Amino acid sequence: GMDRLVQRNVLAMSGRAVEAAGDVNVLLLDKTGTITFG
């Protein structure tokens, strides 16, 4: 699971973070550059 993140150029500082991502209920996204082109 952590390896798949690395393959996508994401470094997880702990396995706990990977698992927490699987249980996320709320996603906060910055508008500029994320939802819009900026």
Full PDB file with SEQRES, HELIX, SHEET, SSBOND, CRYST1, ORIGX, SCALE, CONECT and MASTER records, all heavy atoms in Angstrom:
SEQRES   1 A   38  GLY MET ASP ARG LEU VAL GLN ARG ASN VAL LEU ALA MET          
SEQRES   2 A   38  SER GLY ARG ALA VAL GLU ALA ALA GLY ASP VAL ASN VAL          
SEQRES   3 A   38  LEU LEU LEU ASP LYS THR GLY THR ILE THR PHE GLY              
HELIX    1 AA1 MET A    2  GLN A    7  1                                   6    
HELIX    2 AA2 GLY A   15  GLY A   22  1                                   8    
CRYST1    1.000    1.000    1.000  90.00  90.00  90.00 P 1           1          
ORIGX1      1.000000  0.000000  0.000000        0.00000                         
ORIGX2      0.000000  1.000000  0.000000        0.00000                         
ORIGX3      0.000000  0.000000  1.000000        0.00000                         
SCALE1      1.000000  0.000000  0.000000        0.00000                         
SCALE2      0.000000  1.000000  0.000000        0.00000                         
SCALE3      0.000000  0.000000  1.000000        0.00000                         
ATOM      1  N   GLY A   1       0.824  -1.208   0.000  1.00  0.00           N  
ATOM      2  CA  GLY A   1       0.000   0.000   0.000  1.00  0.00           C  
ATOM      3  C   GLY A   1       0.853   1.251   0.000  1.00  0.00           C  
ATOM      4  O   GLY A   1       0.610   2.193  -0.763  1.00  0.00           O  
ATOM      5  N   MET A   2       1.889   1.271   0.846  1.00  0.00           N  
ATOM      6  CA  MET A   2       2.808   2.411   0.856  1.00  0.00           C  
ATOM      7  C   MET A   2       3.598   2.466  -0.444  1.00  0.00           C  
ATOM      8  O   MET A   2       3.895   3.541  -0.967  1.00  0.00           O  
ATOM      9  CB  MET A   2       3.747   2.311   2.056  1.00  0.00           C  
ATOM     10  CG  MET A   2       3.043   2.438   3.384  1.00  0.00           C  
ATOM     11  SD  MET A   2       4.183   2.397   4.793  1.00  0.00           S  
ATOM     12  CE  MET A   2       5.064   3.927   4.535  1.00  0.00           C  
ATOM     13  N   ASP A   3       3.936   1.302  -0.975  1.00  0.00           N  
ATOM     14  CA  ASP A   3       4.691   1.244  -2.227  1.00  0.00           C  
ATOM     15  C   ASP A   3       3.900   1.848  -3.380  1.00  0.00           C  
ATOM     16  O   ASP A   3       4.453   2.544  -4.239  1.00  0.00           O  
ATOM     17  CB  ASP A   3       5.039  -0.217  -2.538  1.00  0.00           C  
ATOM     18  CG  ASP A   3       5.719  -0.385  -3.883  1.00  0.00           C  
ATOM     19  OD1 ASP A   3       6.844   0.099  -4.031  1.00  0.00           O  
ATOM     20  OD2 ASP A   3       5.113  -0.993  -4.786  1.00  0.00           O  
ATOM     21  N   ARG A   4       2.575   1.615  -3.405  1.00  0.00           N  
ATOM     22  CA  ARG A   4       1.759   2.178  -4.490  1.00  0.00           C  
ATOM     23  C   ARG A   4       1.751   3.703  -4.424  1.00  0.00           C  
ATOM     24  O   ARG A   4       1.684   4.373  -5.462  1.00  0.00           O  
ATOM     25  CB  ARG A   4       0.332   1.624  -4.412  1.00  0.00           C  
ATOM     26  CG  ARG A   4       0.201   0.227  -4.984  1.00  0.00           C  
ATOM     27  CD  ARG A   4      -1.256  -0.170  -5.179  1.00  0.00           C  
ATOM     28  NE  ARG A   4      -1.942  -0.375  -3.924  1.00  0.00           N  
ATOM     29  CZ  ARG A   4      -1.911  -1.517  -3.226  1.00  0.00           C  
ATOM     30  NH1 ARG A   4      -1.204  -2.532  -3.671  1.00  0.00           N  
ATOM     31  NH2 ARG A   4      -2.577  -1.638  -2.098  1.00  0.00           N  
ATOM     32  N   LEU A   5       1.819   4.244  -3.224  1.00  0.00           N  
ATOM     33  CA  LEU A   5       1.920   5.698  -3.102  1.00  0.00           C  
ATOM     34  C   LEU A   5       3.256   6.191  -3.653  1.00  0.00           C  
ATOM     35  O   LEU A   5       3.318   7.193  -4.362  1.00  0.00           O  
ATOM     36  CB  LEU A   5       1.777   6.121  -1.644  1.00  0.00           C  
ATOM     37  CG  LEU A   5       0.358   6.204  -1.084  1.00  0.00           C  
ATOM     38  CD1 LEU A   5       0.402   6.611   0.383  1.00  0.00           C  
ATOM     39  CD2 LEU A   5      -0.486   7.188  -1.865  1.00  0.00           C  
ATOM     40  N   VAL A   6       4.333   5.478  -3.324  1.00  0.00           N  
ATOM     41  CA  VAL A   6       5.652   5.874  -3.828  1.00  0.00           C  
ATOM     42  C   VAL A   6       5.680   5.813  -5.348  1.00  0.00           C  
ATOM     43  O   VAL A   6       6.262   6.666  -6.012  1.00  0.00           O  
ATOM     44  CB  VAL A   6       6.752   4.969  -3.222  1.00  0.00           C  
ATOM     45  CG1 VAL A   6       8.111   5.268  -3.846  1.00  0.00           C  
ATOM     46  CG2 VAL A   6       6.836   5.175  -1.714  1.00  0.00           C  
ATOM     47  N   GLN A   7       5.032   4.805  -5.913  1.00  0.00           N  
ATOM     48  CA  GLN A   7       4.997   4.674  -7.372  1.00  0.00           C  
ATOM     49  C   GLN A   7       4.302   5.875  -8.006  1.00  0.00           C  
ATOM     50  O   GLN A   7       4.534   6.183  -9.168  1.00  0.00           O  
ATOM     51  CB  GLN A   7       4.260   3.385  -7.770  1.00  0.00           C  
ATOM     52  CG  GLN A   7       4.963   2.102  -7.353  1.00  0.00           C  
ATOM     53  CD  GLN A   7       6.246   1.853  -8.108  1.00  0.00           C  
ATOM     54  OE1 GLN A   7       6.521   2.500  -9.103  1.00  0.00           O  
ATOM     55  NE2 GLN A   7       7.050   0.925  -7.629  1.00  0.00           N  
ATOM     56  N   ARG A   8       3.455   6.543  -7.250  1.00  0.00           N  
ATOM     57  CA  ARG A   8       2.776   7.743  -7.755  1.00  0.00           C  
ATOM     58  C   ARG A   8       3.420   9.010  -7.203  1.00  0.00           C  
ATOM     59  O   ARG A   8       2.808  10.061  -7.156  1.00  0.00           O  
ATOM     60  CB  ARG A   8       1.288   7.692  -7.399  1.00  0.00           C  
ATOM     61  CG  ARG A   8       0.536   6.674  -8.265  1.00  0.00           C  
ATOM     62  CD  ARG A   8      -0.795   6.329  -7.673  1.00  0.00           C  
ATOM     63  NE  ARG A   8      -1.546   5.439  -8.533  1.00  0.00           N  
ATOM     64  CZ  ARG A   8      -1.332   4.140  -8.633  1.00  0.00           C  
ATOM     65  NH1 ARG A   8      -0.378   3.564  -7.921  1.00  0.00           N  
ATOM     66  NH2 ARG A   8      -2.067   3.393  -9.443  1.00  0.00           N  
ATOM     67  N   ASN A   9       4.679   8.850  -6.772  1.00  0.00           N  
ATOM     68  CA  ASN A   9       5.466   9.995  -6.313  1.00  0.00           C  
ATOM     69  C   ASN A   9       4.888  10.665  -5.073  1.00  0.00           C  
ATOM     70  O   ASN A   9       4.961  11.883  -4.924  1.00  0.00           O  
ATOM     71  CB  ASN A   9       5.630  11.031  -7.427  1.00  0.00           C  
ATOM     72  CG  ASN A   9       6.644  10.594  -8.468  1.00  0.00           C  
ATOM     73  OD1 ASN A   9       7.259   9.555  -8.324  1.00  0.00           O  
ATOM     74  ND2 ASN A   9       6.804  11.384  -9.497  1.00  0.00           N  
ATOM     75  N   VAL A  10       4.308   9.865  -4.183  1.00  0.00           N  
ATOM     76  CA  VAL A  10       3.814  10.386  -2.907  1.00  0.00           C  
ATOM     77  C   VAL A  10       4.553   9.664  -1.786  1.00  0.00           C  
ATOM     78  O   VAL A  10       4.576   8.432  -1.743  1.00  0.00           O  
ATOM     79  CB  VAL A  10       2.297  10.186  -2.749  1.00  0.00           C  
ATOM     80  CG1 VAL A  10       1.837  10.680  -1.380  1.00  0.00           C  
ATOM     81  CG2 VAL A  10       1.547  10.912  -3.846  1.00  0.00           C  
ATOM     82  N   LEU A  11       5.170  10.419  -0.914  1.00  0.00           N  
ATOM     83  CA  LEU A  11       5.880   9.851   0.222  1.00  0.00           C  
ATOM     84  C   LEU A  11       4.998   9.916   1.455  1.00  0.00           C  
ATOM     85  O   LEU A  11       4.619  10.997   1.899  1.00  0.00           O  
ATOM     86  CB  LEU A  11       7.180  10.617   0.476  1.00  0.00           C  
ATOM     87  CG  LEU A  11       7.905  10.274   1.773  1.00  0.00           C  
ATOM     88  CD1 LEU A  11       8.361   8.827   1.764  1.00  0.00           C  
ATOM     89  CD2 LEU A  11       9.075  11.207   1.988  1.00  0.00           C  
ATOM     90  N   ALA A  12       4.638   8.744   1.987  1.00  0.00           N  
ATOM     91  CA  ALA A  12       3.854   8.683   3.220  1.00  0.00           C  
ATOM     92  C   ALA A  12       4.807   8.557   4.397  1.00  0.00           C  
ATOM     93  O   ALA A  12       5.670   7.680   4.408  1.00  0.00           O  
ATOM     94  CB  ALA A  12       2.894   7.498   3.183  1.00  0.00           C  
ATOM     95  N   MET A  13       4.669   9.452   5.355  1.00  0.00           N  
ATOM     96  CA  MET A  13       5.566   9.440   6.506  1.00  0.00           C  
ATOM     97  C   MET A  13       5.272   8.284   7.456  1.00  0.00           C  
ATOM     98  O   MET A  13       6.088   7.966   8.312  1.00  0.00           O  
ATOM     99  CB  MET A  13       5.465  10.768   7.264  1.00  0.00           C  
ATOM    100  CG  MET A  13       5.822  11.976   6.413  1.00  0.00           C  
ATOM    101  SD  MET A  13       7.499  11.863   5.756  1.00  0.00           S  
ATOM    102  CE  MET A  13       7.582  13.391   4.831  1.00  0.00           C  
ATOM    103  N   SER A  14       4.097   7.667   7.327  1.00  0.00           N  
ATOM    104  CA  SER A  14       3.755   6.536   8.183  1.00  0.00           C  
ATOM    105  C   SER A  14       2.664   5.705   7.519  1.00  0.00           C  
ATOM    106  O   SER A  14       1.890   6.212   6.708  1.00  0.00           O  
ATOM    107  CB  SER A  14       3.272   7.010   9.557  1.00  0.00           C  
ATOM    108  OG  SER A  14       2.011   7.635   9.434  1.00  0.00           O  
ATOM    109  N   GLY A  15       2.633   4.418   7.873  1.00  0.00           N  
ATOM    110  CA  GLY A  15       1.564   3.564   7.382  1.00  0.00           C  
ATOM    111  C   GLY A  15       0.210   3.985   7.913  1.00  0.00           C  
ATOM    112  O   GLY A  15      -0.818   3.783   7.277  1.00  0.00           O  
ATOM    113  N   ARG A  16       0.212   4.603   9.095  1.00  0.00           N  
ATOM    114  CA  ARG A  16      -1.033   5.096   9.688  1.00  0.00           C  
ATOM    115  C   ARG A  16      -1.708   6.101   8.752  1.00  0.00           C  
ATOM    116  O   ARG A  16      -2.931   6.123   8.616  1.00  0.00           O  
ATOM    117  CB  ARG A  16      -0.734   5.752  11.034  1.00  0.00           C  
ATOM    118  CG  ARG A  16      -1.965   6.246  11.787  1.00  0.00           C  
ATOM    119  CD  ARG A  16      -1.541   7.113  12.960  1.00  0.00           C  
ATOM    120  NE  ARG A  16      -0.732   6.373  13.906  1.00  0.00           N  
ATOM    121  CZ  ARG A  16      -1.211   5.753  14.976  1.00  0.00           C  
ATOM    122  NH1 ARG A  16      -2.508   5.800  15.229  1.00  0.00           N  
ATOM    123  NH2 ARG A  16      -0.423   5.107  15.794  1.00  0.00           N  
ATOM    124  N   ALA A  17      -0.894   6.936   8.077  1.00  0.00           N  
ATOM    125  CA  ALA A  17      -1.451   7.943   7.164  1.00  0.00           C  
ATOM    126  C   ALA A  17      -2.127   7.287   5.970  1.00  0.00           C  
ATOM    127  O   ALA A  17      -3.169   7.751   5.496  1.00  0.00           O  
ATOM    128  CB  ALA A  17      -0.347   8.888   6.693  1.00  0.00           C  
ATOM    129  N   VAL A  18      -1.547   6.187   5.469  1.00  0.00           N  
ATOM    130  CA  VAL A  18      -2.138   5.484   4.322  1.00  0.00           C  
ATOM    131  C   VAL A  18      -3.496   4.914   4.712  1.00  0.00           C  
ATOM    132  O   VAL A  18      -4.470   5.014   3.967  1.00  0.00           O  
ATOM    133  CB  VAL A  18      -1.206   4.358   3.823  1.00  0.00           C  
ATOM    134  CG1 VAL A  18      -1.771   3.723   2.552  1.00  0.00           C  
ATOM    135  CG2 VAL A  18       0.191   4.898   3.545  1.00  0.00           C  
ATOM    136  N   GLU A  19      -3.551   4.303   5.888  1.00  0.00           N  
ATOM    137  CA  GLU A  19      -4.817   3.734   6.349  1.00  0.00           C  
ATOM    138  C   GLU A  19      -5.853   4.819   6.602  1.00  0.00           C  
ATOM    139  O   GLU A  19      -7.031   4.662   6.268  1.00  0.00           O  
ATOM    140  CB  GLU A  19      -4.593   2.930   7.626  1.00  0.00           C  
ATOM    141  CG  GLU A  19      -4.021   1.556   7.363  1.00  0.00           C  
ATOM    142  CD  GLU A  19      -4.050   0.696   8.601  1.00  0.00           C  
ATOM    143  OE1 GLU A  19      -4.431   1.194   9.674  1.00  0.00           O  
ATOM    144  OE2 GLU A  19      -3.693  -0.485   8.487  1.00  0.00           O  
ATOM    145  N   ALA A  20      -5.407   5.920   7.189  1.00  0.00           N  
ATOM    146  CA  ALA A  20      -6.330   7.019   7.458  1.00  0.00           C  
ATOM    147  C   ALA A  20      -6.936   7.529   6.159  1.00  0.00           C  
ATOM    148  O   ALA A  20      -8.115   7.901   6.110  1.00  0.00           O  
ATOM    149  CB  ALA A  20      -5.625   8.151   8.200  1.00  0.00           C  
ATOM    150  N   ALA A  21      -6.133   7.530   5.088  1.00  0.00           N  
ATOM    151  CA  ALA A  21      -6.638   7.971   3.779  1.00  0.00           C  
ATOM    152  C   ALA A  21      -7.791   7.085   3.321  1.00  0.00           C  
ATOM    153  O   ALA A  21      -8.724   7.554   2.664  1.00  0.00           O  
ATOM    154  CB  ALA A  21      -5.512   7.958   2.746  1.00  0.00           C  
ATOM    155  N   GLY A  22      -7.731   5.820   3.673  1.00  0.00           N  
ATOM    156  CA  GLY A  22      -8.799   4.907   3.282  1.00  0.00           C  
ATOM    157  C   GLY A  22     -10.082   5.111   4.055  1.00  0.00           C  
ATOM    158  O   GLY A  22     -11.149   4.667   3.618  1.00  0.00           O  
ATOM    159  N   ASP A  23      -9.997   5.785   5.202  1.00  0.00           N  
ATOM    160  CA  ASP A  23     -11.178   6.008   6.043  1.00  0.00           C  
ATOM    161  C   ASP A  23     -11.657   7.453   6.023  1.00  0.00           C  
ATOM    162  O   ASP A  23     -12.511   7.843   6.823  1.00  0.00           O  
ATOM    163  CB  ASP A  23     -10.874   5.605   7.494  1.00  0.00           C  
ATOM    164  CG  ASP A  23     -10.832   4.095   7.665  1.00  0.00           C  
ATOM    165  OD1 ASP A  23     -11.578   3.406   6.938  1.00  0.00           O  
ATOM    166  OD2 ASP A  23     -10.044   3.607   8.490  1.00  0.00           O  
ATOM    167  N   VAL A  24     -11.102   8.267   5.124  1.00  0.00           N  
ATOM    168  CA  VAL A  24     -11.427   9.693   5.090  1.00  0.00           C  
ATOM    169  C   VAL A  24     -12.909   9.912   4.789  1.00  0.00           C  
ATOM    170  O   VAL A  24     -13.477   9.257   3.914  1.00  0.00           O  
ATOM    171  CB  VAL A  24     -10.552  10.414   4.036  1.00  0.00           C  
ATOM    172  CG1 VAL A  24     -11.162  11.733   3.610  1.00  0.00           C  
ATOM    173  CG2 VAL A  24      -9.153  10.637   4.590  1.00  0.00           C  
ATOM    174  N   ASN A  25     -13.518  10.832   5.534  1.00  0.00           N  
ATOM    175  CA  ASN A  25     -14.922  11.197   5.312  1.00  0.00           C  
ATOM    176  C   ASN A  25     -15.072  12.565   4.666  1.00  0.00           C  
ATOM    177  O   ASN A  25     -16.056  12.840   3.991  1.00  0.00           O  
ATOM    178  CB  ASN A  25     -15.692  11.225   6.640  1.00  0.00           C  
ATOM    179  CG  ASN A  25     -15.508   9.969   7.453  1.00  0.00           C  
ATOM    180  OD1 ASN A  25     -14.822   9.990   8.471  1.00  0.00           O  
ATOM    181  ND2 ASN A  25     -16.106   8.885   7.015  1.00  0.00           N  
ATOM    182  N   VAL A  26     -14.093  13.451   4.929  1.00  0.00           N  
ATOM    183  CA  VAL A  26     -14.171  14.832   4.440  1.00  0.00           C  
ATOM    184  C   VAL A  26     -12.870  15.180   3.726  1.00  0.00           C  
ATOM    185  O   VAL A  26     -11.781  14.889   4.233  1.00  0.00           O  
ATOM    186  CB  VAL A  26     -14.407  15.827   5.595  1.00  0.00           C  
ATOM    187  CG1 VAL A  26     -14.491  17.255   5.060  1.00  0.00           C  
ATOM    188  CG2 VAL A  26     -15.670  15.466   6.354  1.00  0.00           C  
ATOM    189  N   LEU A  27     -12.999  15.784   2.559  1.00  0.00           N  
ATOM    190  CA  LEU A  27     -11.851  16.160   1.743  1.00  0.00           C  
ATOM    191  C   LEU A  27     -11.853  17.672   1.562  1.00  0.00           C  
ATOM    192  O   LEU A  27     -12.797  18.237   1.020  1.00  0.00           O  
ATOM    193  CB  LEU A  27     -11.970  15.466   0.375  1.00  0.00           C  
ATOM    194  CG  LEU A  27     -10.701  15.076  -0.363  1.00  0.00           C  
ATOM    195  CD1 LEU A  27      -9.808  14.220   0.504  1.00  0.00           C  
ATOM    196  CD2 LEU A  27     -11.051  14.326  -1.635  1.00  0.00           C  
ATOM    197  N   LEU A  28     -10.793  18.342   2.045  1.00  0.00           N  
ATOM    198  CA  LEU A  28     -10.645  19.783   1.867  1.00  0.00           C  
ATOM    199  C   LEU A  28      -9.704  20.032   0.693  1.00  0.00           C  
ATOM    200  O   LEU A  28      -8.560  19.560   0.702  1.00  0.00           O  
ATOM    201  CB  LEU A  28     -10.077  20.430   3.128  1.00  0.00           C  
ATOM    202  CG  LEU A  28     -11.064  20.970   4.163  1.00  0.00           C  
ATOM    203  CD1 LEU A  28     -11.952  19.858   4.679  1.00  0.00           C  
ATOM    204  CD2 LEU A  28     -10.321  21.617   5.319  1.00  0.00           C  
ATOM    205  N   LEU A  29     -10.184  20.746  -0.324  1.00  0.00           N  
ATOM    206  CA  LEU A  29      -9.371  21.011  -1.500  1.00  0.00           C  
ATOM    207  C   LEU A  29      -9.278  22.509  -1.743  1.00  0.00           C  
ATOM    208  O   LEU A  29     -10.302  23.206  -1.756  1.00  0.00           O  
ATOM    209  CB  LEU A  29      -9.962  20.328  -2.744  1.00  0.00           C  
ATOM    210  CG  LEU A  29     -10.074  18.813  -2.670  1.00  0.00           C  
ATOM    211  CD1 LEU A  29     -11.535  18.414  -2.627  1.00  0.00           C  
ATOM    212  CD2 LEU A  29      -9.393  18.150  -3.838  1.00  0.00           C  
ATOM    213  N   ASP A  30      -8.067  22.978  -1.943  1.00  0.00           N  
ATOM    214  CA  ASP A  30      -7.874  24.373  -2.294  1.00  0.00           C  
ATOM    215  C   ASP A  30      -8.420  24.610  -3.697  1.00  0.00           C  
ATOM    216  O   ASP A  30      -8.238  23.778  -4.585  1.00  0.00           O  
ATOM    217  CB  ASP A  30      -6.383  24.705  -2.245  1.00  0.00           C  
ATOM    218  CG  ASP A  30      -6.127  26.180  -2.458  1.00  0.00           C  
ATOM    219  OD1 ASP A  30      -6.820  26.991  -1.844  1.00  0.00           O  
ATOM    220  OD2 ASP A  30      -5.240  26.513  -3.268  1.00  0.00           O  
ATOM    221  N   LYS A  31      -9.097  25.731  -3.881  1.00  0.00           N  
ATOM    222  CA  LYS A  31      -9.699  26.007  -5.197  1.00  0.00           C  
ATOM    223  C   LYS A  31      -8.646  26.225  -6.269  1.00  0.00           C  
ATOM    224  O   LYS A  31      -8.612  25.529  -7.287  1.00  0.00           O  
ATOM    225  CB  LYS A  31     -10.601  27.238  -5.117  1.00  0.00           C  
ATOM    226  CG  LYS A  31     -11.359  27.537  -6.405  1.00  0.00           C  
ATOM    227  CD  LYS A  31     -11.726  29.002  -6.551  1.00  0.00           C  
ATOM    228  CE  LYS A  31     -10.519  29.846  -6.890  1.00  0.00           C  
ATOM    229  NZ  LYS A  31     -10.823  31.237  -7.225  1.00  0.00           N  
ATOM    230  N   THR A  32      -7.747  27.160  -6.030  1.00  0.00           N  
ATOM    231  CA  THR A  32      -6.792  27.576  -7.052  1.00  0.00           C  
ATOM    232  C   THR A  32      -5.744  26.499  -7.292  1.00  0.00           C  
ATOM    233  O   THR A  32      -5.036  26.096  -6.373  1.00  0.00           O  
ATOM    234  CB  THR A  32      -6.096  28.885  -6.640  1.00  0.00           C  
ATOM    235  OG1 THR A  32      -7.091  29.865  -6.361  1.00  0.00           O  
ATOM    236  CG2 THR A  32      -5.193  29.383  -7.749  1.00  0.00           C  
ATOM    237  N   GLY A  33      -5.670  26.036  -8.525  1.00  0.00           N  
ATOM    238  CA  GLY A  33      -4.685  25.032  -8.888  1.00  0.00           C  
ATOM    239  C   GLY A  33      -5.137  23.609  -8.635  1.00  0.00           C  
ATOM    240  O   GLY A  33      -4.519  22.662  -9.128  1.00  0.00           O  
ATOM    241  N   THR A  34      -6.188  23.433  -7.848  1.00  0.00           N  
ATOM    242  CA  THR A  34      -6.703  22.093  -7.578  1.00  0.00           C  
ATOM    243  C   THR A  34      -8.002  21.869  -8.336  1.00  0.00           C  
ATOM    244  O   THR A  34      -8.100  20.985  -9.190  1.00  0.00           O  
ATOM    245  CB  THR A  34      -6.949  21.906  -6.066  1.00  0.00           C  
ATOM    246  OG1 THR A  34      -5.752  22.184  -5.358  1.00  0.00           O  
ATOM    247  CG2 THR A  34      -7.394  20.487  -5.769  1.00  0.00           C  
ATOM    248  N   ILE A  35      -8.992  22.678  -8.034  1.00  0.00           N  
ATOM    249  CA  ILE A  35     -10.283  22.572  -8.717  1.00  0.00           C  
ATOM    250  C   ILE A  35     -10.277  23.401  -9.993  1.00  0.00           C  
ATOM    251  O   ILE A  35     -10.837  22.993 -11.013  1.00  0.00           O  
ATOM    252  CB  ILE A  35     -11.409  23.019  -7.770  1.00  0.00           C  
ATOM    253  CG1 ILE A  35     -11.487  22.055  -6.571  1.00  0.00           C  
ATOM    254  CG2 ILE A  35     -12.747  23.083  -8.494  1.00  0.00           C  
ATOM    255  CD1 ILE A  35     -12.460  22.488  -5.508  1.00  0.00           C  
ATOM    256  N   THR A  36      -9.614  24.545  -9.953  1.00  0.00           N  
ATOM    257  CA  THR A  36      -9.521  25.412 -11.133  1.00  0.00           C  
ATOM    258  C   THR A  36      -8.075  25.475 -11.601  1.00  0.00           C  
ATOM    259  O   THR A  36      -7.145  25.060 -10.899  1.00  0.00           O  
ATOM    260  CB  THR A  36     -10.013  26.834 -10.815  1.00  0.00           C  
ATOM    261  OG1 THR A  36      -9.111  27.426  -9.872  1.00  0.00           O  
ATOM    262  CG2 THR A  36     -11.412  26.803 -10.234  1.00  0.00           C  
ATOM    263  N   PHE A  37      -7.869  26.003 -12.799  1.00  0.00           N  
ATOM    264  CA  PHE A  37      -6.517  26.117 -13.336  1.00  0.00           C  
ATOM    265  C   PHE A  37      -5.698  27.180 -12.612  1.00  0.00           C  
ATOM    266  O   PHE A  37      -4.482  27.189 -12.700  1.00  0.00           O  
ATOM    267  CB  PHE A  37      -6.568  26.449 -14.832  1.00  0.00           C  
ATOM    268  CG  PHE A  37      -6.941  25.271 -15.686  1.00  0.00           C  
ATOM    269  CD1 PHE A  37      -8.210  25.166 -16.219  1.00  0.00           C  
ATOM    270  CD2 PHE A  37      -6.030  24.263 -15.928  1.00  0.00           C  
ATOM    271  CE1 PHE A  37      -8.558  24.076 -16.996  1.00  0.00           C  
ATOM    272  CE2 PHE A  37      -6.364  23.170 -16.700  1.00  0.00           C  
ATOM    273  CZ  PHE A  37      -7.634  23.070 -17.246  1.00  0.00           C  
ATOM    274  N   GLY A  38      -6.360  28.094 -11.929  1.00  0.00           N  
ATOM    275  CA  GLY A  38      -5.630  29.094 -11.156  1.00  0.00           C  
ATOM    276  C   GLY A  38      -5.602  30.448 -11.816  1.00  0.00           C  
ATOM    277  O   GLY A  38      -5.942  31.456 -11.214  1.00  0.00           O  
TER     278      GLY A  38                                                      
MASTER        0    0    0    2    0    0    0    6  277    1    0    3          
END                                                                             
